Amino acid sequence: EVLTQRLPVGDSQRNEPPATPNGIPQPFREIIENCLRIDPARRWTVTQIADRLQPGQSETASQGSVAALPTTPKVAPGPPLAAEDRKKSAKWPYAIALVAAVLVVVFLVARPKPPASLPPEQTSQDRDASTAGGGASTTASSSRAAEPGKGASEGRVVERVIPRISPGALRSITGKIRIQVKVNVDKAGNVTEARLKSPGPSKYFAARALEAARGWKFKPALEKGQPVASQWIVQFTLSRRAIDDSLVRIEP
């Protein structure tokens, strides 16, 4: 991000790492390519980065430390510098600061990250039992807060299905991704049709959300005491740490 002014973005669906722009000079280009590998076990360590920046001069770095930058060599006194030489000398502090910033960024990218834990799938019975016991999961509480009223005439969801997304794919998310699926529910409470209303930036995540929404079960809405078909918007909110869901009834 320091060198390109934008976040690196890869294709998690094809298991491809972010592409490195051609304008980045060596050794930074090689360091970036090796630190952004999809498999964390193949990413360069701090020691390997230090060896590339200072061949043959780095010492074994303990976890959480970064190799020190070389000190500025002392220069014997000489004749006054020309104007052009003074300009070149004035650029050195900025170059050193840039190298230090790159080292910090590479260290943060290269250090191992704990695997994200996926919330388990829960049925309405599990959620009700959890609430009765005095506690509820993060996913359940956020979903209930977004649901419409639970009156029998309005209908409600009785079984949710969480999108099945690998932990590695979740770790590739920056910020939050929201995907909306519009579902048609028949008189028996089954989803008869589901289509993407807001697919988000990833086809992979959108396909998993669409698949999950098709498995939801509802208590049908009632009109004059009779069950009727209904339409709903199911929203999944994806982040590195969790998958949350919420629900909005469209009709009746």
C-alpha atoms as a PDB file:
ATOM      1  CA  GLU A   1       0.000   0.000   0.000  1.00  0.00           C
ATOM      2  CA  VAL A   2       2.916   2.358   0.756  1.00  0.00           C
ATOM      3  CA  LEU A   3       4.482   1.783  -2.657  1.00  0.00           C
ATOM      4  CA  THR A   4       1.298   1.706  -4.773  1.00  0.00           C
ATOM      5  CA  GLN A   5      -1.148   3.880  -2.740  1.00  0.00           C
ATOM      6  CA  ARG A   6      -3.743   1.110  -2.797  1.00  0.00           C
ATOM      7  CA  LEU A   7      -4.447  -2.134  -0.939  1.00  0.00           C
ATOM      8  CA  PRO A   8      -3.284  -5.370  -2.598  1.00  0.00           C
ATOM      9  CA  VAL A   9      -6.247  -7.346  -3.928  1.00  0.00           C
ATOM     10  CA  GLY A  10      -6.047 -10.939  -5.113  1.00  0.00           C
ATOM     11  CA  ASP A  11      -8.558 -13.432  -6.505  1.00  0.00           C
ATOM     12  CA  SER A  12      -9.489 -15.718  -3.590  1.00  0.00           C
ATOM     13  CA  GLN A  13     -11.876 -17.714  -5.803  1.00  0.00           C
ATOM     14  CA  ARG A  14      -9.001 -18.737  -8.112  1.00  0.00           C
ATOM     15  CA  ASN A  15      -6.520 -18.939  -5.197  1.00  0.00           C
ATOM     16  CA  GLU A  16      -4.361 -16.254  -6.852  1.00  0.00           C
ATOM     17  CA  PRO A  17      -2.233 -13.784  -4.833  1.00  0.00           C
ATOM     18  CA  PRO A  18      -2.356 -10.026  -5.527  1.00  0.00           C
ATOM     19  CA  ALA A  19      -0.505  -8.959  -8.658  1.00  0.00           C
ATOM     20  CA  THR A  20       2.538  -6.751  -8.076  1.00  0.00           C
ATOM     21  CA  PRO A  21       2.749  -3.678 -10.392  1.00  0.00           C
ATOM     22  CA  ASN A  22       5.743  -3.634 -12.725  1.00  0.00           C
ATOM     23  CA  GLY A  23       6.866  -0.196 -11.548  1.00  0.00           C
ATOM     24  CA  ILE A  24       7.989  -1.414  -8.077  1.00  0.00           C
ATOM     25  CA  PRO A  25      11.818  -1.745  -8.003  1.00  0.00           C
ATOM     26  CA  GLN A  26      13.858  -4.583  -6.553  1.00  0.00           C
ATOM     27  CA  PRO A  27      14.372  -5.769  -3.863  1.00  0.00           C
ATOM     28  CA  PHE A  28      10.932  -4.523  -2.765  1.00  0.00           C
ATOM     29  CA  ARG A  29       9.121  -6.272  -5.624  1.00  0.00           C
ATOM     30  CA  GLU A  30      10.544  -9.682  -4.678  1.00  0.00           C
ATOM     31  CA  ILE A  31       9.808  -9.100  -0.969  1.00  0.00           C
ATOM     32  CA  ILE A  32       6.182  -8.143  -1.669  1.00  0.00           C
ATOM     33  CA  GLU A  33       5.570 -11.127  -3.956  1.00  0.00           C
ATOM     34  CA  ASN A  34       6.913 -13.558  -1.337  1.00  0.00           C
ATOM     35  CA  CYS A  35       5.030 -11.947   1.567  1.00  0.00           C
ATOM     36  CA  LEU A  36       1.646 -11.986  -0.197  1.00  0.00           C
ATOM     37  CA  ARG A  37       1.570 -15.695  -0.993  1.00  0.00           C
ATOM     38  CA  ILE A  38      -1.810 -17.352  -0.437  1.00  0.00           C
ATOM     39  CA  ASP A  39      -0.314 -20.097   1.766  1.00  0.00           C
ATOM     40  CA  PRO A  40       0.936 -18.494   5.043  1.00  0.00           C
ATOM     41  CA  ALA A  41       3.543 -21.243   5.457  1.00  0.00           C
ATOM     42  CA  ARG A  42       5.271 -20.140   2.223  1.00  0.00           C
ATOM     43  CA  ARG A  43       5.453 -16.446   3.096  1.00  0.00           C
ATOM     44  CA  TRP A  44       8.858 -14.964   3.849  1.00  0.00           C
ATOM     45  CA  THR A  45       9.927 -14.571   7.448  1.00  0.00           C
ATOM     46  CA  VAL A  46      11.459 -11.425   8.924  1.00  0.00           C
ATOM     47  CA  THR A  47      14.890 -13.058   8.680  1.00  0.00           C
ATOM     48  CA  GLN A  48      14.441 -13.770   4.957  1.00  0.00           C
ATOM     49  CA  ILE A  49      13.354 -10.178   4.366  1.00  0.00           C
ATOM     50  CA  ALA A  50      16.402  -8.885   6.232  1.00  0.00           C
ATOM     51  CA  ASP A  51      18.695 -11.191   4.215  1.00  0.00           C
ATOM     52  CA  ARG A  52      17.246  -9.808   0.975  1.00  0.00           C
ATOM     53  CA  LEU A  53      17.743  -6.205   2.100  1.00  0.00           C
ATOM     54  CA  GLN A  54      21.201  -6.826   3.635  1.00  0.00           C
ATOM     55  CA  PRO A  55      22.707  -9.976   2.053  1.00  0.00           C
ATOM     56  CA  GLY A  56      25.002 -11.779   4.498  1.00  0.00           C
ATOM     57  CA  GLN A  57      24.641  -9.185   7.268  1.00  0.00           C
ATOM     58  CA  SER A  58      21.382 -10.089   9.051  1.00  0.00           C
ATOM     59  CA  GLU A  59      21.262 -11.915  12.367  1.00  0.00           C
ATOM     60  CA  THR A  60      18.566 -14.344  13.390  1.00  0.00           C
ATOM     61  CA  ALA A  61      15.506 -12.273  14.265  1.00  0.00           C
ATOM     62  CA  SER A  62      13.242 -13.383  17.098  1.00  0.00           C
ATOM     63  CA  GLN A  63       9.501 -13.370  16.512  1.00  0.00           C
ATOM     64  CA  GLY A  64       8.056  -9.880  16.680  1.00  0.00           C
ATOM     65  CA  SER A  65      11.336  -8.077  15.860  1.00  0.00           C
ATOM     66  CA  VAL A  66      12.583  -6.396  12.700  1.00  0.00           C
ATOM     67  CA  ALA A  67      16.240  -6.257  11.558  1.00  0.00           C
ATOM     68  CA  ALA A  68      17.853  -2.861  12.154  1.00  0.00           C
ATOM     69  CA  LEU A  69      18.670  -0.641   9.208  1.00  0.00           C
ATOM     70  CA  PRO A  70      22.339   0.022   8.382  1.00  0.00           C
ATOM     71  CA  THR A  71      23.770   3.147   9.968  1.00  0.00           C
ATOM     72  CA  THR A  72      24.911   6.014   7.777  1.00  0.00           C
ATOM     73  CA  PRO A  73      28.656   5.650   7.035  1.00  0.00           C
ATOM     74  CA  LYS A  74      30.976   8.382   8.235  1.00  0.00           C
ATOM     75  CA  VAL A  75      32.557  10.455   5.468  1.00  0.00           C
ATOM     76  CA  ALA A  76      35.886  12.219   5.823  1.00  0.00           C
ATOM     77  CA  PRO A  77      35.767  16.021   5.555  1.00  0.00           C
ATOM     78  CA  GLY A  78      36.114  17.273   2.006  1.00  0.00           C
ATOM     79  CA  PRO A  79      35.430  20.259  -0.176  1.00  0.00           C
ATOM     80  CA  PRO A  80      31.977  21.889   0.006  1.00  0.00           C
ATOM     81  CA  LEU A  81      29.274  20.008  -1.906  1.00  0.00           C
ATOM     82  CA  ALA A  82      27.945  21.374  -5.124  1.00  0.00           C
ATOM     83  CA  ALA A  83      24.291  22.417  -5.263  1.00  0.00           C
ATOM     84  CA  GLU A  84      23.314  19.238  -7.142  1.00  0.00           C
ATOM     85  CA  ASP A  85      25.136  17.018  -4.616  1.00  0.00           C
ATOM     86  CA  ARG A  86      23.429  18.801  -1.721  1.00  0.00           C
ATOM     87  CA  LYS A  87      20.037  18.062  -3.286  1.00  0.00           C
ATOM     88  CA  LYS A  88      20.915  14.365  -3.601  1.00  0.00           C
ATOM     89  CA  SER A  89      22.126  14.214   0.002  1.00  0.00           C
ATOM     90  CA  ALA A  90      18.923  15.834   1.234  1.00  0.00           C
ATOM     91  CA  LYS A  91      16.913  12.945  -0.256  1.00  0.00           C
ATOM     92  CA  TRP A  92      18.610  10.269   1.872  1.00  0.00           C
ATOM     93  CA  PRO A  93      16.477  10.786   5.025  1.00  0.00           C
ATOM     94  CA  TYR A  94      13.326  10.338   2.931  1.00  0.00           C
ATOM     95  CA  ALA A  95      14.693   7.144   1.356  1.00  0.00           C
ATOM     96  CA  ILE A  96      15.566   5.709   4.776  1.00  0.00           C
ATOM     97  CA  ALA A  97      12.103   6.606   6.098  1.00  0.00           C
ATOM     98  CA  LEU A  98      10.496   4.855   3.094  1.00  0.00           C
ATOM     99  CA  VAL A  99      12.565   1.695   3.679  1.00  0.00           C
ATOM    100  CA  ALA A 100      11.597   1.698   7.369  1.00  0.00           C
ATOM    101  CA  ALA A 101       7.901   2.061   6.474  1.00  0.00           C
ATOM    102  CA  VAL A 102       8.122  -0.805   3.971  1.00  0.00           C
ATOM    103  CA  LEU A 103       9.794  -3.029   6.574  1.00  0.00           C
ATOM    104  CA  VAL A 104       6.992  -2.371   9.050  1.00  0.00           C
ATOM    105  CA  VAL A 105       4.292  -3.099   6.442  1.00  0.00           C
ATOM    106  CA  VAL A 106       6.032  -6.294   5.299  1.00  0.00           C
ATOM    107  CA  PHE A 107       6.387  -7.459   8.909  1.00  0.00           C
ATOM    108  CA  LEU A 108       2.682  -6.923   9.583  1.00  0.00           C
ATOM    109  CA  VAL A 109       1.748  -8.839   6.419  1.00  0.00           C
ATOM    110  CA  ALA A 110       4.249 -11.660   6.981  1.00  0.00           C
ATOM    111  CA  ARG A 111       3.512 -12.467  10.623  1.00  0.00           C
ATOM    112  CA  PRO A 112       1.182 -15.455  11.129  1.00  0.00           C
ATOM    113  CA  LYS A 113      -2.460 -14.671  11.749  1.00  0.00           C
ATOM    114  CA  PRO A 114      -4.788 -16.761  13.941  1.00  0.00           C
ATOM    115  CA  PRO A 115      -7.476 -18.613  11.965  1.00  0.00           C
ATOM    116  CA  ALA A 116     -10.875 -16.969  11.967  1.00  0.00           C
ATOM    117  CA  SER A 117     -13.555 -18.995  13.692  1.00  0.00           C
ATOM    118  CA  LEU A 118     -16.788 -19.525  11.840  1.00  0.00           C
ATOM    119  CA  PRO A 119     -20.042 -19.245  13.781  1.00  0.00           C
ATOM    120  CA  PRO A 120     -21.894 -22.589  13.878  1.00  0.00           C
ATOM    121  CA  GLU A 121     -25.169 -23.044  12.096  1.00  0.00           C
ATOM    122  CA  GLN A 122     -28.078 -22.674  14.470  1.00  0.00           C
ATOM    123  CA  THR A 123     -31.745 -23.542  14.206  1.00  0.00           C
ATOM    124  CA  SER A 124     -34.515 -21.530  15.758  1.00  0.00           C
ATOM    125  CA  GLN A 125     -34.722 -24.070  18.630  1.00  0.00           C
ATOM    126  CA  ASP A 126     -31.023 -23.514  19.449  1.00  0.00           C
ATOM    127  CA  ARG A 127     -31.477 -19.736  19.420  1.00  0.00           C
ATOM    128  CA  ASP A 128     -34.573 -19.856  21.621  1.00  0.00           C
ATOM    129  CA  ALA A 129     -32.844 -22.159  24.127  1.00  0.00           C
ATOM    130  CA  SER A 130     -29.794 -19.878  24.223  1.00  0.00           C
ATOM    131  CA  THR A 131     -31.946 -16.818  24.841  1.00  0.00           C
ATOM    132  CA  ALA A 132     -33.901 -18.572  27.605  1.00  0.00           C
ATOM    133  CA  GLY A 133     -30.601 -19.426  29.319  1.00  0.00           C
ATOM    134  CA  GLY A 134     -29.606 -15.775  29.538  1.00  0.00           C
ATOM    135  CA  GLY A 135     -27.242 -15.523  26.571  1.00  0.00           C
ATOM    136  CA  ALA A 136     -27.230 -15.550  22.757  1.00  0.00           C
ATOM    137  CA  SER A 137     -24.544 -15.747  20.081  1.00  0.00           C
ATOM    138  CA  THR A 138     -23.391 -12.668  18.191  1.00  0.00           C
ATOM    139  CA  THR A 139     -25.019 -13.909  15.009  1.00  0.00           C
ATOM    140  CA  ALA A 140     -28.318 -14.687  16.705  1.00  0.00           C
ATOM    141  CA  SER A 141     -28.585 -11.350  18.512  1.00  0.00           C
ATOM    142  CA  SER A 142     -27.816  -9.288  15.444  1.00  0.00           C
ATOM    143  CA  SER A 143     -30.321 -11.266  13.398  1.00  0.00           C
ATOM    144  CA  ARG A 144     -33.131 -10.930  15.924  1.00  0.00           C
ATOM    145  CA  ALA A 145     -32.609  -7.189  16.195  1.00  0.00           C
ATOM    146  CA  ALA A 146     -33.166  -6.831  12.460  1.00  0.00           C
ATOM    147  CA  GLU A 147     -36.246  -9.055  12.208  1.00  0.00           C
ATOM    148  CA  PRO A 148     -39.774  -7.677  11.911  1.00  0.00           C
ATOM    149  CA  GLY A 149     -42.360  -8.281  14.619  1.00  0.00           C
ATOM    150  CA  LYS A 150     -43.014 -11.854  15.664  1.00  0.00           C
ATOM    151  CA  GLY A 151     -46.798 -11.648  15.427  1.00  0.00           C
ATOM    152  CA  ALA A 152     -48.404 -14.660  13.820  1.00  0.00           C
ATOM    153  CA  SER A 153     -49.894 -12.516  11.038  1.00  0.00           C
ATOM    154  CA  GLU A 154     -46.466 -11.324   9.866  1.00  0.00           C
ATOM    155  CA  GLY A 155     -44.649 -14.656   9.731  1.00  0.00           C
ATOM    156  CA  ARG A 156     -41.095 -15.255  10.922  1.00  0.00           C
ATOM    157  CA  VAL A 157     -37.985 -17.292  10.255  1.00  0.00           C
ATOM    158  CA  VAL A 158     -37.695 -20.619  12.077  1.00  0.00           C
ATOM    159  CA  GLU A 159     -34.432 -21.987  10.643  1.00  0.00           C
ATOM    160  CA  ARG A 160     -31.358 -20.180   9.339  1.00  0.00           C
ATOM    161  CA  VAL A 161     -28.460 -21.496   7.252  1.00  0.00           C
ATOM    162  CA  ILE A 162     -25.109 -19.698   7.437  1.00  0.00           C
ATOM    163  CA  PRO A 163     -23.019 -19.525   4.202  1.00  0.00           C
ATOM    164  CA  ARG A 164     -20.269 -22.162   4.151  1.00  0.00           C
ATOM    165  CA  ILE A 165     -17.110 -20.107   3.562  1.00  0.00           C
ATOM    166  CA  SER A 166     -13.581 -21.320   4.242  1.00  0.00           C
ATOM    167  CA  PRO A 167     -11.542 -19.569   6.971  1.00  0.00           C
ATOM    168  CA  GLY A 168      -8.899 -18.675   4.378  1.00  0.00           C
ATOM    169  CA  ALA A 169     -11.457 -16.857   2.250  1.00  0.00           C
ATOM    170  CA  LEU A 170     -12.771 -14.983   5.292  1.00  0.00           C
ATOM    171  CA  ARG A 171      -9.236 -13.833   6.148  1.00  0.00           C
ATOM    172  CA  SER A 172      -8.989 -12.200   2.710  1.00  0.00           C
ATOM    173  CA  ILE A 173     -11.831  -9.773   3.573  1.00  0.00           C
ATOM    174  CA  THR A 174     -10.954  -6.151   4.324  1.00  0.00           C
ATOM    175  CA  GLY A 175     -13.680  -4.416   6.338  1.00  0.00           C
ATOM    176  CA  LYS A 176     -17.155  -5.871   5.816  1.00  0.00           C
ATOM    177  CA  ILE A 177     -19.017  -7.322   2.818  1.00  0.00           C
ATOM    178  CA  ARG A 178     -22.819  -7.175   2.709  1.00  0.00           C
ATOM    179  CA  ILE A 179     -24.780  -9.474   0.398  1.00  0.00           C
ATOM    180  CA  GLN A 180     -28.573  -9.273   0.022  1.00  0.00           C
ATOM    181  CA  VAL A 181     -30.724 -12.133  -1.278  1.00  0.00           C
ATOM    182  CA  LYS A 182     -34.421 -11.730  -2.132  1.00  0.00           C
ATOM    183  CA  VAL A 183     -36.402 -14.902  -1.365  1.00  0.00           C
ATOM    184  CA  ASN A 184     -39.940 -15.964  -2.203  1.00  0.00           C
ATOM    185  CA  VAL A 185     -41.584 -18.131   0.472  1.00  0.00           C
ATOM    186  CA  ASP A 186     -44.618 -20.348  -0.198  1.00  0.00           C
ATOM    187  CA  LYS A 187     -47.574 -21.034   2.101  1.00  0.00           C
ATOM    188  CA  ALA A 188     -45.706 -23.917   3.750  1.00  0.00           C
ATOM    189  CA  GLY A 189     -42.789 -21.653   4.720  1.00  0.00           C
ATOM    190  CA  ASN A 190     -40.293 -23.024   2.164  1.00  0.00           C
ATOM    191  CA  VAL A 191     -38.106 -20.878  -0.078  1.00  0.00           C
ATOM    192  CA  THR A 192     -39.267 -21.422  -3.645  1.00  0.00           C
ATOM    193  CA  GLU A 193     -37.030 -18.845  -5.314  1.00  0.00           C
ATOM    194  CA  ALA A 194     -33.905 -16.950  -4.288  1.00  0.00           C
ATOM    195  CA  ARG A 195     -32.028 -14.352  -6.305  1.00  0.00           C
ATOM    196  CA  LEU A 196     -29.287 -11.861  -5.540  1.00  0.00           C
ATOM    197  CA  LYS A 197     -30.477  -8.328  -4.868  1.00  0.00           C
ATOM    198  CA  SER A 198     -27.040  -6.961  -3.890  1.00  0.00           C
ATOM    199  CA  PRO A 199     -24.265  -9.477  -4.741  1.00  0.00           C
ATOM    200  CA  GLY A 200     -21.306  -7.582  -3.284  1.00  0.00           C
ATOM    201  CA  PRO A 201     -17.800  -7.521  -4.827  1.00  0.00           C
ATOM    202  CA  SER A 202     -17.114 -11.299  -4.903  1.00  0.00           C
ATOM    203  CA  LYS A 203     -18.847 -13.945  -7.014  1.00  0.00           C
ATOM    204  CA  TYR A 204     -17.564 -16.627  -4.622  1.00  0.00           C
ATOM    205  CA  PHE A 205     -19.151 -15.036  -1.537  1.00  0.00           C
ATOM    206  CA  ALA A 206     -22.346 -14.218  -3.461  1.00  0.00           C
ATOM    207  CA  ALA A 207     -22.751 -17.840  -4.598  1.00  0.00           C
ATOM    208  CA  ARG A 208     -22.319 -19.133  -1.030  1.00  0.00           C
ATOM    209  CA  ALA A 209     -24.845 -16.600   0.300  1.00  0.00           C
ATOM    210  CA  LEU A 210     -27.400 -17.524  -2.385  1.00  0.00           C
ATOM    211  CA  GLU A 211     -26.966 -21.223  -1.572  1.00  0.00           C
ATOM    212  CA  ALA A 212     -27.477 -20.603   2.143  1.00  0.00           C
ATOM    213  CA  ALA A 213     -30.596 -18.458   1.666  1.00  0.00           C
ATOM    214  CA  ARG A 214     -32.316 -21.262  -0.261  1.00  0.00           C
ATOM    215  CA  GLY A 215     -32.119 -23.411   2.866  1.00  0.00           C
ATOM    216  CA  TRP A 216     -33.974 -21.009   5.200  1.00  0.00           C
ATOM    217  CA  LYS A 217     -37.334 -22.066   6.675  1.00  0.00           C
ATOM    218  CA  PHE A 218     -40.169 -19.720   7.682  1.00  0.00           C
ATOM    219  CA  LYS A 219     -43.397 -19.763   9.627  1.00  0.00           C
ATOM    220  CA  PRO A 220     -45.728 -18.456   6.910  1.00  0.00           C
ATOM    221  CA  ALA A 221     -47.524 -15.136   7.220  1.00  0.00           C
ATOM    222  CA  LEU A 222     -51.264 -15.247   7.864  1.00  0.00           C
ATOM    223  CA  GLU A 223     -54.099 -13.285   6.275  1.00  0.00           C
ATOM    224  CA  LYS A 224     -57.567 -13.820   7.775  1.00  0.00           C
ATOM    225  CA  GLY A 225     -56.188 -16.830   9.574  1.00  0.00           C
ATOM    226  CA  GLN A 226     -54.889 -18.507   6.398  1.00  0.00           C
ATOM    227  CA  PRO A 227     -51.183 -18.963   5.471  1.00  0.00           C
ATOM    228  CA  VAL A 228     -50.048 -16.907   2.487  1.00  0.00           C
ATOM    229  CA  ALA A 229     -46.891 -16.596   0.413  1.00  0.00           C
ATOM    230  CA  SER A 230     -44.413 -13.885   1.343  1.00  0.00           C
ATOM    231  CA  GLN A 231     -41.200 -12.166   0.213  1.00  0.00           C
ATOM    232  CA  TRP A 232     -38.146 -11.367   2.321  1.00  0.00           C
ATOM    233  CA  ILE A 233     -34.696  -9.815   2.018  1.00  0.00           C
ATOM    234  CA  VAL A 234     -31.985 -11.904   3.701  1.00  0.00           C
ATOM    235  CA  GLN A 235     -28.749  -9.990   4.325  1.00  0.00           C
ATOM    236  CA  PHE A 236     -25.425 -11.626   5.185  1.00  0.00           C
ATOM    237  CA  THR A 237     -22.640  -9.452   6.616  1.00  0.00           C
ATOM    238  CA  LEU A 238     -19.179 -11.019   6.183  1.00  0.00           C
ATOM    239  CA  SER A 239     -16.011  -9.981   8.016  1.00  0.00           C
ATOM    240  CA  ARG A 240     -12.749 -11.661   8.973  1.00  0.00           C
ATOM    241  CA  ARG A 241     -14.145 -12.728  12.338  1.00  0.00           C
ATOM    242  CA  ALA A 242     -17.800 -13.645  11.756  1.00  0.00           C
ATOM    243  CA  ILE A 243     -20.774 -14.084   9.446  1.00  0.00           C
ATOM    244  CA  ASP A 244     -23.892 -12.238  10.610  1.00  0.00           C
ATOM    245  CA  ASP A 245     -27.392 -12.320   9.119  1.00  0.00           C
ATOM    246  CA  SER A 246     -30.438 -10.070   9.248  1.00  0.00           C
ATOM    247  CA  LEU A 247     -33.934 -10.175   7.774  1.00  0.00           C
ATOM    248  CA  VAL A 248     -36.469  -7.712   6.331  1.00  0.00           C
ATOM    249  CA  ARG A 249     -39.987  -8.668   5.226  1.00  0.00           C
ATOM    250  CA  ILE A 250     -41.169  -7.139   1.950  1.00  0.00           C
ATOM    251  CA  GLU A 251     -44.696  -8.520   1.628  1.00  0.00           C
ATOM    252  CA  PRO A 252     -47.413  -9.204   2.532  1.00  0.00           C
END
